[in-house]
PDB file of all heavy atoms in Angstrom:
ATOM      1  N   PHE A   1     105.821 152.571  34.053  1.00  0.00           N
ATOM      2  CA  PHE A   1     105.987 151.171  34.372  1.00  0.00           C
ATOM      3  C   PHE A   1     105.676 150.343  32.962  1.00  0.00           C
ATOM      4  O   PHE A   1     106.259 149.303  32.641  1.00  0.00           O
ATOM      5  CB  PHE A   1     104.998 150.654  35.443  1.00  0.00           C
ATOM      6  CG  PHE A   1     105.384 151.250  36.771  1.00  0.00           C
ATOM      7  CD1 PHE A   1     104.561 152.298  37.334  1.00  0.00           C
ATOM      8  CD2 PHE A   1     106.498 150.824  37.456  1.00  0.00           C
ATOM      9  CE1 PHE A   1     104.939 152.915  38.448  1.00  0.00           C
ATOM     10  CE2 PHE A   1     106.870 151.416  38.690  1.00  0.00           C
ATOM     11  CZ  PHE A   1     105.993 152.489  39.138  1.00  0.00           C
ATOM     12  N   TYR A   2     104.675 150.804  32.149  1.00  0.00           N
ATOM     13  CA  TYR A   2     104.422 150.334  30.874  1.00  0.00           C
ATOM     14  C   TYR A   2     105.707 150.358  30.030  1.00  0.00           C
ATOM     15  O   TYR A   2     106.051 149.406  29.318  1.00  0.00           O
ATOM     16  CB  TYR A   2     103.213 150.923  30.255  1.00  0.00           C
ATOM     17  CG  TYR A   2     101.904 150.648  30.882  1.00  0.00           C
ATOM     18  CD1 TYR A   2     101.116 151.668  31.384  1.00  0.00           C
ATOM     19  CD2 TYR A   2     101.421 149.310  31.053  1.00  0.00           C
ATOM     20  CE1 TYR A   2      99.848 151.472  32.026  1.00  0.00           C
ATOM     21  CE2 TYR A   2     100.308 149.082  31.756  1.00  0.00           C
ATOM     22  CZ  TYR A   2      99.534 150.132  32.263  1.00  0.00           C
ATOM     23  OH  TYR A   2      98.343 149.830  32.902  1.00  0.00           O
ATOM     24  N   VAL A   3     106.340 151.529  30.080  1.00  0.00           N
ATOM     25  CA  VAL A   3     107.513 151.766  29.325  1.00  0.00           C
ATOM     26  C   VAL A   3     108.630 150.772  29.771  1.00  0.00           C
ATOM     27  O   VAL A   3     109.355 150.144  28.931  1.00  0.00           O
ATOM     28  CB  VAL A   3     108.055 153.165  29.436  1.00  0.00           C
ATOM     29  CG1 VAL A   3     109.432 153.359  28.827  1.00  0.00           C
ATOM     30  CG2 VAL A   3     107.126 154.197  28.879  1.00  0.00           C
ATOM     31  N   HIS A   4     108.751 150.664  31.030  1.00  0.00           N
ATOM     32  CA  HIS A   4     109.681 149.592  31.588  1.00  0.00           C
ATOM     33  C   HIS A   4     109.545 148.325  31.133  1.00  0.00           C
ATOM     34  O   HIS A   4     110.365 147.635  30.717  1.00  0.00           O
ATOM     35  CB  HIS A   4     109.665 149.788  33.150  1.00  0.00           C
ATOM     36  CG  HIS A   4     110.708 149.025  33.916  1.00  0.00           C
ATOM     37  ND1 HIS A   4     110.988 148.974  35.289  1.00  0.00           N
ATOM     38  CD2 HIS A   4     111.697 148.166  33.357  1.00  0.00           C
ATOM     39  CE1 HIS A   4     111.911 148.151  35.622  1.00  0.00           C
ATOM     40  NE2 HIS A   4     112.406 147.698  34.434  1.00  0.00           N
ATOM     41  N   LEU A   5     108.233 147.782  31.205  1.00  0.00           N
ATOM     42  CA  LEU A   5     107.830 146.497  30.768  1.00  0.00           C
ATOM     43  C   LEU A   5     108.206 146.207  29.288  1.00  0.00           C
ATOM     44  O   LEU A   5     108.856 145.278  28.942  1.00  0.00           O
ATOM     45  CB  LEU A   5     106.408 146.209  31.042  1.00  0.00           C
ATOM     46  CG  LEU A   5     105.959 144.833  30.684  1.00  0.00           C
ATOM     47  CD1 LEU A   5     106.668 143.762  31.288  1.00  0.00           C
ATOM     48  CD2 LEU A   5     104.434 144.731  30.923  1.00  0.00           C
ATOM     49  N   ILE A   6     107.853 147.229  28.507  1.00  0.00           N
ATOM     50  CA  ILE A   6     108.081 146.992  26.934  1.00  0.00           C
ATOM     51  C   ILE A   6     109.574 146.969  26.767  1.00  0.00           C
ATOM     52  O   ILE A   6     110.047 146.064  25.931  1.00  0.00           O
ATOM     53  CB  ILE A   6     107.343 148.195  26.179  1.00  0.00           C
ATOM     54  CG1 ILE A   6     105.862 148.029  26.280  1.00  0.00           C
ATOM     55  CG2 ILE A   6     107.883 148.231  24.728  1.00  0.00           C
ATOM     56  CD1 ILE A   6     105.096 149.280  25.804  1.00  0.00           C
ATOM     57  N   ILE A   7     110.284 147.829  27.305  1.00  0.00           N
ATOM     58  CA  ILE A   7     111.789 147.864  27.070  1.00  0.00           C
ATOM     59  C   ILE A   7     112.424 146.638  27.621  1.00  0.00           C
ATOM     60  O   ILE A   7     113.393 146.016  27.075  1.00  0.00           O
ATOM     61  CB  ILE A   7     112.478 149.114  27.691  1.00  0.00           C
ATOM     62  CG1 ILE A   7     112.035 150.386  26.811  1.00  0.00           C
ATOM     63  CG2 ILE A   7     113.952 149.100  27.565  1.00  0.00           C
ATOM     64  CD1 ILE A   7     112.527 151.685  27.346  1.00  0.00           C
ATOM     65  N   GLU A   8     111.939 146.075  28.725  1.00  0.00           N
ATOM     66  CA  GLU A   8     112.437 144.868  29.354  1.00  0.00           C
ATOM     67  C   GLU A   8     112.221 143.770  28.332  1.00  0.00           C
ATOM     68  O   GLU A   8     113.143 142.845  28.254  1.00  0.00           O
ATOM     69  CB  GLU A   8     111.705 144.598  30.751  1.00  0.00           C
ATOM     70  CG  GLU A   8     112.094 143.294  31.263  1.00  0.00           C
ATOM     71  CD  GLU A   8     113.584 142.967  31.542  1.00  0.00           C
ATOM     72  OE1 GLU A   8     114.266 143.911  31.999  1.00  0.00           O
ATOM     73  OE2 GLU A   8     113.975 141.897  31.312  1.00  0.00           O
ATOM     74  N   LEU A   9     111.075 143.602  27.749  1.00  0.00           N
ATOM     75  CA  LEU A   9     110.802 142.625  26.787  1.00  0.00           C
ATOM     76  C   LEU A   9     111.715 142.685  25.569  1.00  0.00           C
ATOM     77  O   LEU A   9     112.171 141.598  24.955  1.00  0.00           O
ATOM     78  CB  LEU A   9     109.210 142.560  26.469  1.00  0.00           C
ATOM     79  CG  LEU A   9     108.354 142.297  27.433  1.00  0.00           C
ATOM     80  CD1 LEU A   9     106.830 142.444  27.013  1.00  0.00           C
ATOM     81  CD2 LEU A   9     108.482 140.792  27.991  1.00  0.00           C
ATOM     82  N   ILE A  10     111.971 144.005  25.119  1.00  0.00           N
ATOM     83  CA  ILE A  10     112.861 144.113  23.999  1.00  0.00           C
ATOM     84  C   ILE A  10     114.358 143.624  24.427  1.00  0.00           C
ATOM     85  O   ILE A  10     115.010 143.013  23.705  1.00  0.00           O
ATOM     86  CB  ILE A  10     112.900 145.580  23.433  1.00  0.00           C
ATOM     87  CG1 ILE A  10     111.530 145.928  22.951  1.00  0.00           C
ATOM     88  CG2 ILE A  10     113.911 145.832  22.423  1.00  0.00           C
ATOM     89  CD1 ILE A  10     111.272 147.460  22.679  1.00  0.00           C
ATOM     90  N   ALA A  11     114.715 144.070  25.666  1.00  0.00           N
ATOM     91  CA  ALA A  11     116.132 143.674  26.067  1.00  0.00           C
ATOM     92  C   ALA A  11     116.209 142.193  26.218  1.00  0.00           C
ATOM     93  O   ALA A  11     117.305 141.774  25.936  1.00  0.00           O
ATOM     94  CB  ALA A  11     116.277 144.326  27.521  1.00  0.00           C
ATOM     95  N   GLN A  12     115.112 141.511  26.590  1.00  0.00           N
ATOM     96  CA  GLN A  12     115.157 140.035  26.675  1.00  0.00           C
ATOM     97  C   GLN A  12     115.416 139.435  25.323  1.00  0.00           C
ATOM     98  O   GLN A  12     116.154 138.499  25.130  1.00  0.00           O
ATOM     99  CB  GLN A  12     113.816 139.511  27.309  1.00  0.00           C
ATOM    100  CG  GLN A  12     113.864 138.031  27.475  1.00  0.00           C
ATOM    101  CD  GLN A  12     114.857 137.443  28.442  1.00  0.00           C
ATOM    102  OE1 GLN A  12     115.556 138.264  29.177  1.00  0.00           O
ATOM    103  NE2 GLN A  12     114.954 136.088  28.641  1.00  0.00           N
ATOM    104  N   ALA A  13     114.858 139.984  24.279  1.00  0.00           N
ATOM    105  CA  ALA A  13     115.041 139.515  22.967  1.00  0.00           C
ATOM    106  C   ALA A  13     116.608 139.672  22.460  1.00  0.00           C
ATOM    107  O   ALA A  13     117.234 138.828  21.860  1.00  0.00           O
ATOM    108  CB  ALA A  13     114.147 140.111  21.876  1.00  0.00           C
ATOM    109  N   VAL A  14     117.182 140.789  22.944  1.00  0.00           N
ATOM    110  CA  VAL A  14     118.579 141.127  22.626  1.00  0.00           C
ATOM    111  C   VAL A  14     119.469 140.083  23.427  1.00  0.00           C
ATOM    112  O   VAL A  14     120.416 139.576  22.925  1.00  0.00           O
ATOM    113  CB  VAL A  14     118.881 142.503  23.060  1.00  0.00           C
ATOM    114  CG1 VAL A  14     120.413 142.811  22.973  1.00  0.00           C
ATOM    115  CG2 VAL A  14     118.110 143.519  22.059  1.00  0.00           C
ATOM    116  N   ARG A  15     119.129 139.842  24.728  1.00  0.00           N
ATOM    117  CA  ARG A  15     119.901 138.915  25.543  1.00  0.00           C
ATOM    118  C   ARG A  15     119.960 137.582  24.897  1.00  0.00           C
ATOM    119  O   ARG A  15     120.906 136.939  24.796  1.00  0.00           O
ATOM    120  CB  ARG A  15     119.290 138.802  26.917  1.00  0.00           C
ATOM    121  CG  ARG A  15     119.299 140.020  27.771  1.00  0.00           C
ATOM    122  CD  ARG A  15     118.804 139.884  29.195  1.00  0.00           C
ATOM    123  NE  ARG A  15     118.497 141.035  29.867  1.00  0.00           N
ATOM    124  CZ  ARG A  15     117.222 141.574  30.146  1.00  0.00           C
ATOM    125  NH1 ARG A  15     116.290 140.897  29.833  1.00  0.00           N
ATOM    126  NH2 ARG A  15     117.112 142.763  30.661  1.00  0.00           N
ATOM    127  N   MET A  16     118.823 137.160  24.437  1.00  0.00           N
ATOM    128  CA  MET A  16     118.648 135.740  23.782  1.00  0.00           C
ATOM    129  C   MET A  16     119.520 135.770  22.556  1.00  0.00           C
ATOM    130  O   MET A  16     120.158 134.841  22.264  1.00  0.00           O
ATOM    131  CB  MET A  16     117.202 135.467  23.443  1.00  0.00           C
ATOM    132  CG  MET A  16     116.316 135.236  24.675  1.00  0.00           C
ATOM    133  SD  MET A  16     114.499 135.671  24.368  1.00  0.00           S
ATOM    134  CE  MET A  16     114.246 134.505  22.999  1.00  0.00           C
ATOM    135  N   LYS A  17     119.487 136.912  21.723  1.00  0.00           N
ATOM    136  CA  LYS A  17     120.260 136.903  20.547  1.00  0.00           C
ATOM    137  C   LYS A  17     121.784 136.772  20.828  1.00  0.00           C
ATOM    138  O   LYS A  17     122.497 136.140  19.941  1.00  0.00           O
ATOM    139  CB  LYS A  17     120.028 138.245  19.719  1.00  0.00           C
ATOM    140  CG  LYS A  17     120.598 138.429  18.389  1.00  0.00           C
ATOM    141  CD  LYS A  17     119.851 137.553  17.410  1.00  0.00           C
ATOM    142  CE  LYS A  17     120.356 137.743  16.012  1.00  0.00           C
ATOM    143  NZ  LYS A  17     119.821 136.951  14.963  1.00  0.00           N
ATOM    144  N   ILE A  18     122.242 137.423  21.873  1.00  0.00           N
ATOM    145  CA  ILE A  18     123.613 137.348  22.148  1.00  0.00           C
ATOM    146  C   ILE A  18     124.094 136.057  22.838  1.00  0.00           C
ATOM    147  O   ILE A  18     125.148 135.466  22.526  1.00  0.00           O
ATOM    148  CB  ILE A  18     123.939 138.589  23.082  1.00  0.00           C
ATOM    149  CG1 ILE A  18     123.807 139.896  22.359  1.00  0.00           C
ATOM    150  CG2 ILE A  18     125.473 138.454  23.586  1.00  0.00           C
ATOM    151  CD1 ILE A  18     123.898 141.105  23.234  1.00  0.00           C
ATOM    152  N   VAL A  19     123.220 135.615  23.824  1.00  0.00           N
ATOM    153  CA  VAL A  19     123.763 134.381  24.648  1.00  0.00           C
ATOM    154  C   VAL A  19     123.382 132.993  24.036  1.00  0.00           C
ATOM    155  O   VAL A  19     124.242 132.174  24.120  1.00  0.00           O
ATOM    156  CB  VAL A  19     123.034 134.529  25.992  1.00  0.00           C
ATOM    157  CG1 VAL A  19     123.317 133.276  26.929  1.00  0.00           C
ATOM    158  CG2 VAL A  19     123.406 135.795  26.795  1.00  0.00           C
ATOM    159  N   LEU A  20     122.279 132.768  23.397  1.00  0.00           N
ATOM    160  CA  LEU A  20     121.900 131.448  22.867  1.00  0.00           C
ATOM    161  C   LEU A  20     122.932 130.909  21.934  1.00  0.00           C
ATOM    162  O   LEU A  20     123.182 129.655  22.092  1.00  0.00           O
ATOM    163  CB  LEU A  20     120.499 131.468  22.285  1.00  0.00           C
ATOM    164  CG  LEU A  20     119.342 131.881  23.185  1.00  0.00           C
ATOM    165  CD1 LEU A  20     118.069 131.841  22.474  1.00  0.00           C
ATOM    166  CD2 LEU A  20     119.353 130.898  24.383  1.00  0.00           C
ATOM    167  N   PRO A  21     123.613 131.625  21.015  1.00  0.00           N
ATOM    168  CA  PRO A  21     124.561 130.976  20.120  1.00  0.00           C
ATOM    169  C   PRO A  21     125.743 130.508  20.902  1.00  0.00           C
ATOM    170  O   PRO A  21     126.466 129.589  20.465  1.00  0.00           O
ATOM    171  CB  PRO A  21     125.020 132.197  19.290  1.00  0.00           C
ATOM    172  CG  PRO A  21     123.833 133.077  19.188  1.00  0.00           C
ATOM    173  CD  PRO A  21     123.218 132.992  20.589  1.00  0.00           C
ATOM    174  N   LYS A  22     126.099 131.044  22.108  1.00  0.00           N
ATOM    175  CA  LYS A  22     127.223 130.561  22.838  1.00  0.00           C
ATOM    176  C   LYS A  22     127.005 129.152  23.462  1.00  0.00           C
ATOM    177  O   LYS A  22     128.029 128.494  23.802  1.00  0.00           O
ATOM    178  CB  LYS A  22     127.361 131.501  24.063  1.00  0.00           C
ATOM    179  CG  LYS A  22     127.813 132.941  23.647  1.00  0.00           C
ATOM    180  CD  LYS A  22     128.044 133.830  24.911  1.00  0.00           C
ATOM    181  CE  LYS A  22     128.588 135.292  24.509  1.00  0.00           C
ATOM    182  NZ  LYS A  22     128.835 136.096  25.539  1.00  0.00           N
ATOM    183  N   ILE A  23     125.736 128.693  23.524  1.00  0.00           N
ATOM    184  CA  ILE A  23     125.509 127.294  24.006  1.00  0.00           C
ATOM    185  C   ILE A  23     124.794 126.453  22.925  1.00  0.00           C
ATOM    186  O   ILE A  23     124.187 125.367  23.153  1.00  0.00           O
ATOM    187  CB  ILE A  23     124.625 127.304  25.286  1.00  0.00           C
ATOM    188  CG1 ILE A  23     123.350 128.043  25.063  1.00  0.00           C
ATOM    189  CG2 ILE A  23     125.362 127.927  26.416  1.00  0.00           C
ATOM    190  CD1 ILE A  23     122.396 128.003  26.279  1.00  0.00           C
ATOM    191  N   ASP A  24     124.968 126.869  21.677  1.00  0.00           N
ATOM    192  CA  ASP A  24     124.375 126.224  20.421  1.00  0.00           C
ATOM    193  C   ASP A  24     122.865 125.881  20.642  1.00  0.00           C
ATOM    194  O   ASP A  24     122.388 124.801  20.369  1.00  0.00           O
ATOM    195  CB  ASP A  24     125.137 124.921  20.229  1.00  0.00           C
ATOM    196  CG  ASP A  24     126.591 125.031  20.006  1.00  0.00           C
ATOM    197  OD1 ASP A  24     126.956 126.127  19.439  1.00  0.00           O
ATOM    198  OD2 ASP A  24     127.437 124.195  20.439  1.00  0.00           O
TER     199      ASP A  24
END
């Protein structure tokens, strides 16, 4: 579960990097 949480937080940073530029 610690592994899951850490990877989830990393994945969230990737999501932000991809999606946020689409809405300026």
